[in-house]
Amino acid sequence: MRSIRVLMLALLASLAAVLPGLAAPQSRIWYPANAYPQLTLPGGREQVVRSMLNITRPMQFGDFVWDEKHIPAGPLWVRIDLSRQILSVFRDGHEIGSTVILYGAGGKPSPTGSFSILEKNPDYYSRSYDAPMPYMLRLTKDGVAIHGSNVRKGWATHGCIGVPLDFARLLFAVARKGDPVVILADDRQEPR
């Protein structure tokens, strides 16, 4: 039975190479041009989504997905959903990265709304908190940033958005000063 399954998978893989439309499972969900979904952002703005990463299982703390293969150059923007603790990176309407985040809690909540990247620094060190903030992308003049962190369950930041270090490195490489970042409020009733 197992050998038949292996044989069938090999046959499908070889057919996918020669028959258009028959392909291996997709790592991306592509939307037809006449049916692009739109994400509503603060202030009523909308962003078109041309494709999404096909994430088939719930991500855990420290997990991320990054796939920019076959995605054209274009404007980049970042969507941070505090309710779901997820950060998504979009380029030209295509999601190229997604990760579980840490964010501010207690007396130091993360701000919400629309921002733009004000500064980039790969080796930033916070004097206020005596802590490294690798691959820092500053969002506010008072120091809130997206940066590499040890993303673990139950941990929080002092208002910043913490992402896994390897994801922070990838995001830092594609992000530019002025790129928009949207942070959506945590609307959950229960504590995280």
N, C-alpha and C. Protein backbone atom coordinates (compact mmCIF):
# COMPACT_ATOMS: atom_id res chain seq x y z
N MET A 1 0.82 -1.18 0.00
CA MET A 1 0.00 0.00 0.00
C MET A 1 0.88 1.26 0.00
N ARG A 2 1.91 1.27 0.87
CA ARG A 2 2.82 2.42 0.95
C ARG A 2 3.54 2.63 -0.37
N SER A 3 3.98 1.52 -1.02
CA SER A 3 4.71 1.65 -2.28
C SER A 3 3.81 2.19 -3.38
N ILE A 4 2.51 1.86 -3.35
CA ILE A 4 1.58 2.42 -4.35
C ILE A 4 1.44 3.92 -4.14
N ARG A 5 1.35 4.35 -2.88
CA ARG A 5 1.23 5.78 -2.58
C ARG A 5 2.48 6.54 -3.05
N VAL A 6 3.66 5.99 -2.79
CA VAL A 6 4.91 6.61 -3.22
C VAL A 6 4.96 6.69 -4.74
N LEU A 7 4.55 5.60 -5.40
CA LEU A 7 4.52 5.59 -6.86
C LEU A 7 3.55 6.64 -7.41
N MET A 8 2.37 6.77 -6.81
CA MET A 8 1.39 7.77 -7.25
C MET A 8 1.94 9.19 -7.07
N LEU A 9 2.58 9.46 -5.94
CA LEU A 9 3.16 10.79 -5.71
C LEU A 9 4.25 11.09 -6.73
N ALA A 10 5.08 10.09 -7.05
CA ALA A 10 6.14 10.30 -8.05
C ALA A 10 5.52 10.56 -9.43
N LEU A 11 4.46 9.82 -9.76
CA LEU A 11 3.78 10.02 -11.03
C LEU A 11 3.17 11.42 -11.11
N LEU A 12 2.50 11.86 -10.06
CA LEU A 12 1.92 13.20 -10.04
C LEU A 12 2.99 14.27 -10.17
N ALA A 13 4.12 14.08 -9.49
CA ALA A 13 5.21 15.05 -9.58
C ALA A 13 5.75 15.14 -11.00
N SER A 14 5.90 13.99 -11.68
CA SER A 14 6.42 14.03 -13.05
C SER A 14 5.39 14.62 -14.01
N LEU A 15 4.10 14.35 -13.80
CA LEU A 15 3.05 14.95 -14.63
C LEU A 15 2.98 16.47 -14.44
N ALA A 16 3.20 16.92 -13.23
CA ALA A 16 3.14 18.36 -12.95
C ALA A 16 4.18 19.11 -13.76
N ALA A 17 5.28 18.47 -14.06
CA ALA A 17 6.33 19.14 -14.84
C ALA A 17 5.94 19.31 -16.31
N VAL A 18 5.05 18.45 -16.81
CA VAL A 18 4.73 18.53 -18.23
C VAL A 18 3.31 19.01 -18.53
N LEU A 19 2.41 18.93 -17.58
CA LEU A 19 1.03 19.35 -17.80
C LEU A 19 0.72 20.65 -17.06
N PRO A 20 0.43 21.73 -17.78
CA PRO A 20 0.07 22.95 -17.09
C PRO A 20 -1.23 22.77 -16.32
N GLY A 21 -1.32 23.41 -15.16
CA GLY A 21 -2.52 23.33 -14.36
C GLY A 21 -2.50 22.18 -13.36
N LEU A 22 -1.62 21.23 -13.52
CA LEU A 22 -1.49 20.14 -12.56
C LEU A 22 -0.16 20.37 -11.85
N ALA A 23 -0.24 20.73 -10.61
CA ALA A 23 0.98 21.11 -9.90
C ALA A 23 0.97 20.55 -8.50
N ALA A 24 2.13 20.60 -7.89
CA ALA A 24 2.27 20.19 -6.50
C ALA A 24 1.48 21.16 -5.62
N PRO A 25 1.21 20.79 -4.37
CA PRO A 25 0.47 21.69 -3.48
C PRO A 25 1.12 23.07 -3.45
N GLN A 26 0.27 24.08 -3.43
CA GLN A 26 0.74 25.47 -3.47
C GLN A 26 1.23 25.93 -2.09
N SER A 27 2.29 26.74 -2.09
CA SER A 27 2.75 27.37 -0.86
C SER A 27 2.13 28.75 -0.73
N ARG A 28 1.26 29.09 -1.67
CA ARG A 28 0.65 30.42 -1.75
C ARG A 28 -0.77 30.28 -2.27
N ILE A 29 -1.67 31.11 -1.78
CA ILE A 29 -3.04 31.18 -2.27
C ILE A 29 -3.11 32.38 -3.20
N TRP A 30 -3.38 32.13 -4.48
CA TRP A 30 -3.46 33.18 -5.49
C TRP A 30 -4.92 33.53 -5.72
N TYR A 31 -5.21 34.82 -5.75
CA TYR A 31 -6.58 35.28 -6.01
C TYR A 31 -6.69 35.73 -7.46
N PRO A 32 -7.84 35.47 -8.11
CA PRO A 32 -8.01 35.94 -9.49
C PRO A 32 -8.10 37.47 -9.52
N ALA A 33 -7.61 38.05 -10.62
CA ALA A 33 -7.54 39.51 -10.74
C ALA A 33 -8.88 40.19 -10.57
N ASN A 34 -9.95 39.54 -10.93
CA ASN A 34 -11.26 40.16 -10.80
C ASN A 34 -11.90 39.94 -9.43
N ALA A 35 -11.18 39.29 -8.51
CA ALA A 35 -11.73 38.99 -7.19
C ALA A 35 -10.71 39.21 -6.07
N TYR A 36 -9.85 40.20 -6.20
CA TYR A 36 -8.89 40.47 -5.13
C TYR A 36 -9.62 40.89 -3.87
N PRO A 37 -9.35 40.22 -2.74
CA PRO A 37 -9.91 40.72 -1.48
C PRO A 37 -9.21 42.01 -1.08
N GLN A 38 -9.85 42.77 -0.19
CA GLN A 38 -9.26 44.00 0.30
C GLN A 38 -9.28 43.99 1.82
N LEU A 39 -8.18 44.45 2.41
CA LEU A 39 -8.10 44.59 3.85
C LEU A 39 -8.40 46.04 4.20
N THR A 40 -9.34 46.25 5.13
CA THR A 40 -9.66 47.60 5.59
C THR A 40 -8.70 47.97 6.70
N LEU A 41 -8.11 49.15 6.59
CA LEU A 41 -7.10 49.63 7.53
C LEU A 41 -7.65 50.82 8.30
N PRO A 42 -6.95 51.23 9.36
CA PRO A 42 -7.40 52.41 10.10
C PRO A 42 -7.59 53.60 9.16
N GLY A 43 -8.60 54.40 9.44
CA GLY A 43 -8.88 55.56 8.62
C GLY A 43 -9.69 55.22 7.38
N GLY A 44 -10.14 53.94 7.26
CA GLY A 44 -10.96 53.55 6.13
C GLY A 44 -10.21 53.20 4.86
N ARG A 45 -8.87 53.32 4.88
CA ARG A 45 -8.09 52.92 3.70
C ARG A 45 -8.25 51.43 3.46
N GLU A 46 -8.08 51.03 2.21
CA GLU A 46 -8.12 49.61 1.87
C GLU A 46 -6.88 49.23 1.08
N GLN A 47 -6.40 48.02 1.32
CA GLN A 47 -5.26 47.49 0.58
C GLN A 47 -5.70 46.22 -0.14
N VAL A 48 -5.38 46.13 -1.41
CA VAL A 48 -5.68 44.95 -2.22
C VAL A 48 -4.71 43.84 -1.85
N VAL A 49 -5.23 42.61 -1.80
CA VAL A 49 -4.41 41.42 -1.55
C VAL A 49 -4.47 40.55 -2.80
N ARG A 50 -3.31 40.32 -3.40
CA ARG A 50 -3.24 39.50 -4.62
C ARG A 50 -2.96 38.03 -4.30
N SER A 51 -2.19 37.79 -3.22
CA SER A 51 -1.93 36.42 -2.79
C SER A 51 -1.56 36.42 -1.32
N MET A 52 -1.78 35.26 -0.70
CA MET A 52 -1.45 35.06 0.72
C MET A 52 -0.59 33.80 0.84
N LEU A 53 0.22 33.78 1.87
CA LEU A 53 0.96 32.56 2.18
C LEU A 53 -0.05 31.49 2.59
N ASN A 54 0.17 30.28 2.18
CA ASN A 54 -0.73 29.17 2.51
C ASN A 54 -0.22 28.50 3.78
N ILE A 55 -0.54 29.09 4.91
CA ILE A 55 -0.10 28.58 6.21
C ILE A 55 -1.16 27.59 6.68
N THR A 56 -0.80 26.32 6.74
CA THR A 56 -1.79 25.26 6.95
C THR A 56 -1.93 24.80 8.40
N ARG A 57 -1.14 25.36 9.29
CA ARG A 57 -1.28 24.98 10.70
C ARG A 57 -1.07 26.22 11.56
N PRO A 58 -1.63 26.22 12.77
CA PRO A 58 -1.41 27.38 13.64
C PRO A 58 0.08 27.55 13.95
N MET A 59 0.55 28.79 13.88
CA MET A 59 1.95 29.06 14.22
C MET A 59 2.08 29.19 15.74
N GLN A 60 3.22 28.78 16.23
CA GLN A 60 3.53 28.87 17.65
C GLN A 60 4.51 30.01 17.88
N PHE A 61 4.75 30.37 19.13
CA PHE A 61 5.71 31.41 19.44
C PHE A 61 7.08 31.03 18.89
N GLY A 62 7.68 31.96 18.16
CA GLY A 62 8.98 31.73 17.53
C GLY A 62 8.88 31.27 16.09
N ASP A 63 7.69 30.86 15.64
CA ASP A 63 7.50 30.41 14.26
C ASP A 63 7.37 31.59 13.31
N PHE A 64 7.76 31.37 12.08
CA PHE A 64 7.48 32.34 11.02
C PHE A 64 7.54 31.64 9.67
N VAL A 65 6.94 32.28 8.68
CA VAL A 65 6.98 31.82 7.29
C VAL A 65 7.45 33.00 6.46
N TRP A 66 8.37 32.75 5.53
CA TRP A 66 8.84 33.80 4.61
C TRP A 66 9.00 33.17 3.24
N ASP A 67 8.29 33.72 2.25
CA ASP A 67 8.40 33.21 0.88
C ASP A 67 8.12 34.36 -0.08
N GLU A 68 9.17 34.85 -0.71
CA GLU A 68 9.02 35.94 -1.68
C GLU A 68 9.35 35.50 -3.10
N LYS A 69 9.48 34.17 -3.30
CA LYS A 69 9.74 33.65 -4.64
C LYS A 69 8.59 34.02 -5.58
N HIS A 70 8.95 34.47 -6.77
CA HIS A 70 8.00 34.81 -7.82
C HIS A 70 7.12 36.01 -7.49
N ILE A 71 7.51 36.81 -6.50
CA ILE A 71 6.74 38.00 -6.14
C ILE A 71 7.48 39.21 -6.71
N PRO A 72 6.77 40.02 -7.49
CA PRO A 72 7.44 41.16 -8.13
C PRO A 72 7.84 42.24 -7.14
N ALA A 73 8.72 43.11 -7.59
CA ALA A 73 9.06 44.29 -6.81
C ALA A 73 7.80 45.15 -6.71
N GLY A 74 7.72 45.94 -5.69
CA GLY A 74 6.57 46.82 -5.52
C GLY A 74 6.55 47.38 -4.13
N PRO A 75 5.53 48.17 -3.84
CA PRO A 75 5.46 48.79 -2.52
C PRO A 75 5.30 47.75 -1.42
N LEU A 76 5.96 48.02 -0.30
CA LEU A 76 5.94 47.12 0.86
C LEU A 76 5.13 47.77 1.97
N TRP A 77 4.35 46.98 2.68
CA TRP A 77 3.69 47.48 3.88
C TRP A 77 3.56 46.33 4.87
N VAL A 78 3.39 46.69 6.14
CA VAL A 78 3.36 45.71 7.23
C VAL A 78 2.04 45.87 7.98
N ARG A 79 1.40 44.74 8.26
CA ARG A 79 0.15 44.71 9.03
C ARG A 79 0.40 43.93 10.31
N ILE A 80 0.12 44.55 11.45
CA ILE A 80 0.30 43.92 12.75
C ILE A 80 -1.06 43.82 13.42
N ASP A 81 -1.47 42.61 13.74
CA ASP A 81 -2.76 42.35 14.38
C ASP A 81 -2.48 41.92 15.82
N LEU A 82 -2.69 42.84 16.76
CA LEU A 82 -2.40 42.53 18.16
C LEU A 82 -3.33 41.47 18.72
N SER A 83 -4.59 41.40 18.25
CA SER A 83 -5.54 40.38 18.73
C SER A 83 -5.04 38.98 18.43
N ARG A 84 -4.46 38.80 17.26
CA ARG A 84 -4.01 37.48 16.85
C ARG A 84 -2.51 37.28 17.07
N GLN A 85 -1.84 38.34 17.51
CA GLN A 85 -0.38 38.33 17.71
C GLN A 85 0.35 37.90 16.45
N ILE A 86 -0.07 38.47 15.31
CA ILE A 86 0.51 38.12 14.01
C ILE A 86 0.95 39.39 13.29
N LEU A 87 2.13 39.33 12.70
CA LEU A 87 2.64 40.38 11.82
C LEU A 87 2.71 39.78 10.42
N SER A 88 2.19 40.52 9.43
CA SER A 88 2.25 40.08 8.03
C SER A 88 2.93 41.16 7.21
N VAL A 89 3.80 40.74 6.28
CA VAL A 89 4.50 41.65 5.39
C VAL A 89 3.94 41.44 3.99
N PHE A 90 3.56 42.55 3.33
CA PHE A 90 3.01 42.50 1.98
C PHE A 90 3.91 43.28 1.03
N ARG A 91 4.13 42.72 -0.15
CA ARG A 91 4.84 43.43 -1.21
C ARG A 91 4.01 43.34 -2.48
N ASP A 92 3.71 44.49 -3.04
CA ASP A 92 2.89 44.59 -4.25
C ASP A 92 1.59 43.80 -4.11
N GLY A 93 1.02 43.80 -2.90
CA GLY A 93 -0.24 43.11 -2.65
C GLY A 93 -0.10 41.64 -2.32
N HIS A 94 1.11 41.11 -2.26
CA HIS A 94 1.36 39.69 -1.97
C HIS A 94 1.96 39.56 -0.57
N GLU A 95 1.39 38.68 0.25
CA GLU A 95 1.98 38.42 1.56
C GLU A 95 3.27 37.63 1.35
N ILE A 96 4.38 38.16 1.87
CA ILE A 96 5.66 37.47 1.72
C ILE A 96 6.20 36.96 3.06
N GLY A 97 5.65 37.42 4.17
CA GLY A 97 6.12 36.97 5.47
C GLY A 97 5.03 37.06 6.51
N SER A 98 5.06 36.14 7.48
CA SER A 98 4.11 36.14 8.58
C SER A 98 4.78 35.52 9.79
N THR A 99 4.53 36.10 10.97
CA THR A 99 5.13 35.58 12.19
C THR A 99 4.28 35.89 13.41
N VAL A 100 4.49 35.12 14.46
CA VAL A 100 3.90 35.38 15.77
C VAL A 100 4.77 36.45 16.43
N ILE A 101 4.13 37.39 17.12
CA ILE A 101 4.84 38.52 17.72
C ILE A 101 4.69 38.56 19.24
N LEU A 102 5.54 39.38 19.84
CA LEU A 102 5.35 39.88 21.20
C LEU A 102 4.96 41.33 21.07
N TYR A 103 4.22 41.85 22.05
CA TYR A 103 3.89 43.27 22.03
C TYR A 103 3.75 43.78 23.46
N GLY A 104 3.56 45.08 23.58
CA GLY A 104 3.53 45.72 24.89
C GLY A 104 2.35 45.32 25.74
N ALA A 105 2.57 45.30 27.03
CA ALA A 105 1.53 44.92 27.97
C ALA A 105 1.59 45.82 29.20
N GLY A 106 0.56 45.73 30.01
CA GLY A 106 0.54 46.49 31.26
C GLY A 106 0.66 47.98 31.03
N GLY A 107 1.62 48.60 31.70
CA GLY A 107 1.82 50.03 31.62
C GLY A 107 2.50 50.50 30.36
N LYS A 108 2.93 49.60 29.50
CA LYS A 108 3.63 49.96 28.26
C LYS A 108 2.98 49.29 27.05
N PRO A 109 1.72 49.64 26.73
CA PRO A 109 1.07 49.00 25.59
C PRO A 109 1.67 49.46 24.26
N SER A 110 1.52 48.62 23.26
CA SER A 110 1.94 49.01 21.91
C SER A 110 0.91 49.99 21.36
N PRO A 111 1.36 51.02 20.64
CA PRO A 111 0.41 51.95 20.05
C PRO A 111 -0.33 51.30 18.89
N THR A 112 -1.48 51.83 18.55
CA THR A 112 -2.23 51.34 17.40
C THR A 112 -2.43 52.48 16.41
N GLY A 113 -2.69 52.12 15.17
CA GLY A 113 -2.91 53.12 14.13
C GLY A 113 -1.97 52.92 12.96
N SER A 114 -1.78 54.00 12.20
CA SER A 114 -0.92 53.96 11.01
C SER A 114 0.39 54.68 11.29
N PHE A 115 1.49 54.04 10.90
CA PHE A 115 2.84 54.56 11.13
C PHE A 115 3.64 54.40 9.85
N SER A 116 4.84 54.93 9.85
CA SER A 116 5.78 54.63 8.79
C SER A 116 7.14 54.41 9.45
N ILE A 117 7.99 53.67 8.77
CA ILE A 117 9.32 53.38 9.31
C ILE A 117 10.13 54.67 9.28
N LEU A 118 10.57 55.11 10.46
CA LEU A 118 11.31 56.36 10.60
C LEU A 118 12.82 56.16 10.53
N GLU A 119 13.27 54.99 10.97
CA GLU A 119 14.72 54.74 11.08
C GLU A 119 14.97 53.25 11.02
N LYS A 120 16.12 52.87 10.47
CA LYS A 120 16.57 51.49 10.46
C LYS A 120 17.95 51.43 11.10
N ASN A 121 18.16 50.41 11.96
CA ASN A 121 19.47 50.23 12.56
C ASN A 121 19.65 48.74 12.86
N PRO A 122 20.61 48.08 12.21
CA PRO A 122 20.75 46.63 12.40
C PRO A 122 21.28 46.23 13.78
N ASP A 123 21.98 47.15 14.47
CA ASP A 123 22.61 46.81 15.75
C ASP A 123 22.19 47.76 16.87
N TYR A 124 20.96 48.18 16.90
CA TYR A 124 20.51 49.16 17.89
C TYR A 124 20.53 48.56 19.30
N TYR A 125 20.89 49.41 20.26
CA TYR A 125 20.89 49.02 21.67
C TYR A 125 20.10 50.06 22.44
N SER A 126 19.07 49.63 23.17
CA SER A 126 18.23 50.55 23.93
C SER A 126 18.93 50.93 25.24
N ARG A 127 19.21 52.20 25.39
CA ARG A 127 19.77 52.67 26.66
C ARG A 127 18.68 52.71 27.73
N SER A 128 17.44 53.00 27.32
CA SER A 128 16.32 53.08 28.27
C SER A 128 16.09 51.75 28.97
N TYR A 129 16.19 50.65 28.24
CA TYR A 129 15.91 49.33 28.80
C TYR A 129 17.14 48.44 28.91
N ASP A 130 18.32 49.01 28.59
CA ASP A 130 19.57 48.28 28.66
C ASP A 130 19.43 46.92 27.97
N ALA A 131 18.98 46.98 26.70
CA ALA A 131 18.70 45.74 25.97
C ALA A 131 19.00 45.91 24.48
N PRO A 132 19.50 44.85 23.85
CA PRO A 132 19.69 44.91 22.40
C PRO A 132 18.34 44.87 21.68
N MET A 133 18.26 45.57 20.55
CA MET A 133 17.07 45.57 19.70
C MET A 133 17.55 45.35 18.26
N PRO A 134 18.01 44.11 17.95
CA PRO A 134 18.60 43.87 16.62
C PRO A 134 17.59 44.08 15.50
N TYR A 135 18.10 44.56 14.37
CA TYR A 135 17.29 44.80 13.17
C TYR A 135 16.10 45.70 13.47
N MET A 136 16.39 46.79 14.16
CA MET A 136 15.37 47.73 14.62
C MET A 136 14.81 48.57 13.48
N LEU A 137 13.46 48.62 13.42
CA LEU A 137 12.72 49.49 12.50
C LEU A 137 11.87 50.41 13.38
N ARG A 138 12.32 51.65 13.56
CA ARG A 138 11.62 52.58 14.47
C ARG A 138 10.33 53.07 13.84
N LEU A 139 9.25 53.08 14.67
CA LEU A 139 7.94 53.52 14.22
C LEU A 139 7.49 54.83 14.84
N THR A 140 7.98 55.14 16.04
CA THR A 140 7.57 56.37 16.72
C THR A 140 8.79 57.12 17.22
N LYS A 141 8.64 58.42 17.41
CA LYS A 141 9.75 59.23 17.89
C LYS A 141 10.14 58.87 19.32
N ASP A 142 9.20 58.31 20.09
CA ASP A 142 9.53 57.95 21.48
C ASP A 142 10.08 56.52 21.60
N GLY A 143 10.41 55.87 20.47
CA GLY A 143 11.19 54.64 20.53
C GLY A 143 10.48 53.34 20.24
N VAL A 144 9.19 53.34 19.96
CA VAL A 144 8.51 52.09 19.63
C VAL A 144 9.03 51.61 18.27
N ALA A 145 9.35 50.31 18.21
CA ALA A 145 9.97 49.76 17.00
C ALA A 145 9.57 48.30 16.83
N ILE A 146 9.78 47.81 15.63
CA ILE A 146 9.76 46.37 15.35
C ILE A 146 11.21 45.93 15.46
N HIS A 147 11.49 44.86 16.18
CA HIS A 147 12.88 44.40 16.31
C HIS A 147 12.94 42.92 16.66
N GLY A 148 14.10 42.34 16.46
CA GLY A 148 14.34 40.94 16.80
C GLY A 148 14.23 40.72 18.30
N SER A 149 13.55 39.65 18.69
CA SER A 149 13.32 39.31 20.11
C SER A 149 13.31 37.80 20.27
N ASN A 150 13.39 37.39 21.52
CA ASN A 150 13.19 36.00 21.86
C ASN A 150 11.68 35.84 22.09
N VAL A 151 10.97 35.40 21.07
CA VAL A 151 9.51 35.37 21.11
C VAL A 151 9.06 34.09 21.81
N ARG A 152 8.56 34.28 23.05
CA ARG A 152 8.11 33.15 23.87
C ARG A 152 6.74 33.44 24.47
N LYS A 153 5.98 32.38 24.70
CA LYS A 153 4.66 32.51 25.32
C LYS A 153 4.80 33.17 26.70
N GLY A 154 3.92 34.13 26.95
CA GLY A 154 3.90 34.80 28.25
C GLY A 154 4.83 36.00 28.35
N TRP A 155 5.68 36.20 27.37
CA TRP A 155 6.58 37.35 27.38
C TRP A 155 5.91 38.53 26.70
N ALA A 156 6.40 39.72 26.98
CA ALA A 156 5.87 40.94 26.38
C ALA A 156 7.02 41.91 26.16
N THR A 157 6.71 43.04 25.55
CA THR A 157 7.71 44.08 25.33
C THR A 157 7.26 45.34 26.07
N HIS A 158 8.06 46.36 26.00
CA HIS A 158 7.72 47.67 26.57
C HIS A 158 7.09 48.56 25.51
N GLY A 159 6.18 48.00 24.72
CA GLY A 159 5.50 48.76 23.69
C GLY A 159 5.96 48.43 22.28
N CYS A 160 7.13 47.84 22.15
CA CYS A 160 7.64 47.48 20.83
C CYS A 160 6.94 46.24 20.29
N ILE A 161 7.24 45.91 19.04
CA ILE A 161 6.76 44.68 18.42
C ILE A 161 7.97 43.77 18.27
N GLY A 162 7.98 42.68 19.02
CA GLY A 162 9.09 41.73 18.97
C GLY A 162 8.79 40.61 18.00
N VAL A 163 9.76 40.32 17.13
CA VAL A 163 9.64 39.24 16.15
C VAL A 163 10.86 38.33 16.26
N PRO A 164 10.76 37.07 15.83
CA PRO A 164 11.93 36.18 15.87
C PRO A 164 13.12 36.80 15.12
N LEU A 165 14.31 36.58 15.62
CA LEU A 165 15.52 37.21 15.08
C LEU A 165 15.70 36.96 13.58
N ASP A 166 15.52 35.72 13.13
CA ASP A 166 15.71 35.43 11.70
C ASP A 166 14.66 36.15 10.84
N PHE A 167 13.45 36.27 11.35
CA PHE A 167 12.41 37.01 10.63
C PHE A 167 12.77 38.49 10.60
N ALA A 168 13.25 39.02 11.73
CA ALA A 168 13.65 40.43 11.81
C ALA A 168 14.72 40.74 10.76
N ARG A 169 15.66 39.83 10.58
CA ARG A 169 16.73 40.00 9.59
C ARG A 169 16.16 40.08 8.17
N LEU A 170 15.21 39.21 7.86
CA LEU A 170 14.58 39.21 6.53
C LEU A 170 13.76 40.49 6.31
N LEU A 171 12.98 40.87 7.30
CA LEU A 171 12.17 42.09 7.19
C LEU A 171 13.06 43.31 7.04
N PHE A 172 14.12 43.38 7.82
CA PHE A 172 15.06 44.51 7.75
C PHE A 172 15.64 44.65 6.35
N ALA A 173 15.92 43.52 5.72
CA ALA A 173 16.54 43.55 4.38
C ALA A 173 15.61 44.12 3.31
N VAL A 174 14.29 43.95 3.45
CA VAL A 174 13.37 44.42 2.41
C VAL A 174 12.69 45.73 2.75
N ALA A 175 12.64 46.09 4.03
CA ALA A 175 11.94 47.32 4.46
C ALA A 175 12.79 48.55 4.18
N ARG A 176 12.12 49.65 3.92
CA ARG A 176 12.77 50.94 3.66
C ARG A 176 12.15 52.01 4.55
N LYS A 177 12.93 53.04 4.83
CA LYS A 177 12.38 54.18 5.55
C LYS A 177 11.17 54.70 4.77
N GLY A 178 10.11 55.02 5.48
CA GLY A 178 8.90 55.51 4.86
C GLY A 178 7.86 54.45 4.57
N ASP A 179 8.25 53.15 4.59
CA ASP A 179 7.27 52.09 4.35
C ASP A 179 6.18 52.14 5.42
N PRO A 180 4.90 51.96 5.03
CA PRO A 180 3.81 52.03 6.00
C PRO A 180 3.70 50.78 6.87
N VAL A 181 3.30 51.01 8.12
CA VAL A 181 3.06 49.94 9.09
C VAL A 181 1.73 50.25 9.76
N VAL A 182 0.84 49.26 9.80
CA VAL A 182 -0.46 49.42 10.44
C VAL A 182 -0.51 48.48 11.63
N ILE A 183 -0.88 49.03 12.81
CA ILE A 183 -1.03 48.20 14.01
C ILE A 183 -2.50 48.25 14.43
N LEU A 184 -3.15 47.08 14.39
CA LEU A 184 -4.55 46.95 14.75
C LEU A 184 -4.67 46.60 16.23
N ALA A 185 -5.65 47.17 16.91
CA ALA A 185 -5.82 47.02 18.35
C ALA A 185 -6.12 45.59 18.76
N ASP A 186 -5.78 45.28 20.00
CA ASP A 186 -6.14 43.99 20.60
C ASP A 186 -7.56 44.14 21.13
N ASP A 187 -8.52 43.51 20.43
CA ASP A 187 -9.92 43.64 20.82
C ASP A 187 -10.43 42.44 21.61
N ARG A 188 -9.54 41.57 22.05
CA ARG A 188 -9.96 40.43 22.84
C ARG A 188 -10.35 40.87 24.23
N GLN A 189 -11.28 40.18 24.83
CA GLN A 189 -11.74 40.50 26.18
C GLN A 189 -10.87 39.81 27.24
N GLU A 190 -10.40 38.63 26.92
CA GLU A 190 -9.63 37.88 27.91
C GLU A 190 -8.15 38.26 27.85
N PRO A 191 -7.44 38.14 28.98
CA PRO A 191 -6.00 38.44 28.97
C PRO A 191 -5.26 37.43 28.12
N ARG A 192 -4.13 37.86 27.56
CA ARG A 192 -3.36 36.97 26.70
C ARG A 192 -2.53 36.05 27.48
